[in-house]
Each structure stands twice: as C-alpha cells, then as structure tokens.
Protein backbone atom coordinates (compact mmCIF):
# COMPACT_ATOMS: atom_id res chain seq x y z
CA MET A 1 0.04 0.10 -0.42
CA LEU A 2 2.96 2.32 0.44
CA PHE A 3 4.60 1.55 -2.55
CA ARG A 4 0.90 2.95 -3.90
CA SER A 5 0.61 5.77 -2.48
CA ALA A 6 4.53 7.25 -2.98
CA ARG A 7 3.80 6.20 -6.91
CA HIS A 8 1.04 8.13 -7.27
CA GLU A 9 2.45 11.36 -5.39
CA ALA A 10 5.37 10.32 -7.61
CA GLU A 11 2.63 10.43 -11.12
CA LYS A 12 1.26 13.90 -9.20
CA CYS A 13 4.38 15.60 -9.26
CA PHE A 14 5.94 14.04 -12.18
CA SER A 15 2.52 14.43 -14.80
CA ASP A 16 4.13 16.58 -17.83
CA THR A 17 7.74 13.68 -18.03
CA ASP A 18 8.72 10.91 -19.43
CA ILE A 19 8.18 8.95 -16.24
CA GLN A 20 7.62 5.52 -16.91
CA PHE A 21 5.72 4.16 -14.07
CA CYS A 22 5.66 0.45 -13.61
CA ASP A 23 3.39 -1.85 -11.12
CA GLY A 24 5.91 -3.17 -9.53
CA LEU A 25 9.20 -3.99 -7.85
CA GLU A 26 9.44 -6.97 -10.85
CA GLN A 27 8.35 -4.74 -14.33
CA THR A 28 10.62 -1.99 -12.57
CA MET A 29 13.56 -3.64 -12.67
CA GLU A 30 13.78 -5.22 -16.58
CA ASP A 31 15.92 -4.52 -19.06
CA VAL A 32 17.92 -2.13 -16.46
CA GLU A 33 22.07 -1.20 -15.75
CA VAL A 34 21.51 -0.06 -13.06
CA ILE A 35 19.94 -0.11 -9.59
CA VAL A 36 19.35 2.30 -7.01
CA VAL A 37 18.02 1.68 -3.47
CA LEU A 38 17.87 4.70 -1.52
CA THR A 39 15.82 3.73 1.52
CA ARG A 40 14.61 0.41 3.38
CA TRP A 41 11.32 -0.03 3.05
CA SER A 42 10.28 -3.59 2.76
CA GLU A 43 8.87 -3.40 -1.01
CA PHE A 44 12.38 -3.43 -1.75
CA SER A 45 14.22 -6.14 0.10
CA ASP A 46 13.00 -7.94 -3.31
CA VAL A 47 15.89 -6.45 -5.16
CA GLN A 48 19.49 -8.93 -4.45
CA ARG A 49 16.59 -12.04 -5.43
CA LEU A 50 15.59 -10.61 -7.94
CA ILE A 51 18.42 -9.52 -9.64
CA GLN A 52 20.88 -12.46 -9.12
CA ASN A 53 18.99 -14.80 -12.51
CA LYS A 54 19.70 -11.51 -14.75
CA THR A 55 22.38 -11.83 -17.34
CA PRO A 56 24.17 -9.14 -17.21
CA GLN A 57 23.17 -8.61 -13.99
CA PRO A 58 22.09 -5.04 -13.40
CA LEU A 59 24.82 -2.47 -10.90
CA LEU A 60 23.30 -3.05 -7.78
CA VAL A 61 23.49 1.09 -5.53
CA ASP A 62 23.00 0.38 -1.94
CA GLY A 63 22.65 3.38 -0.62
CA ARG A 64 21.26 1.71 2.84
CA ARG A 65 23.17 -1.41 2.27
CA MET A 66 20.49 -3.24 3.16
CA PHE A 67 22.37 -6.00 1.02
CA ASP A 68 24.99 -8.64 1.01
CA LYS A 69 28.03 -7.27 -1.04
CA HIS A 70 29.35 -10.88 -1.44
CA GLN A 71 26.11 -11.72 -2.84
CA ILE A 72 25.86 -9.31 -6.50
CA SER A 73 28.39 -9.37 -9.37
CA LYS A 74 27.87 -5.54 -9.63
CA TYR A 75 27.78 -3.47 -5.91
CA GLU A 76 28.12 -0.64 -4.31
CA GLY A 77 27.70 -0.04 -0.78
CA ILE A 78 27.07 3.91 -0.81
CA GLY A 79 26.23 5.82 2.28
CA LEU A 80 26.66 5.01 6.23
C-alpha cells in the first residue's frame, strides 16, 4: 500500500515528464543497467533475489547497505 501511495504522489509531481511508472518491483527492474536503492522500505528487500539470475546483472547501488555485497556481482555500497 505504501508503494502505491508513493507512486500516486510521484505521478502528480512528474505528470509532465517522460517518466514511465510501473506496477511493481519486478516490472521496474526489467531491462535496466543500474538499480539505486535509497530506502530500507520492505518492498525493496526482494531486489537481491530478483537480480541474481539476470544476465548481465545490473549494478546495484545500495544507499542503505542493506544487501549482501558478496552475493551481488556488481555492487556499490554508499552512505552509512
């Protein structure tokens, strides 16, 4: 539910741009080169599992250091 509220607000703020909004995390991560996670929301806990079988794996920029960097081939941890 939180994801949908954030999306609704983002759609209002960015209504005049070319941003494409998706219905879920898996759809959002299709055909991407980089994923940037900047929050610890539980919705993002599946990112690591969803990218493990992708070839090539996208770069995961982890702004909260919540993922296991040893399990991700392209990982950059930033922040505290």
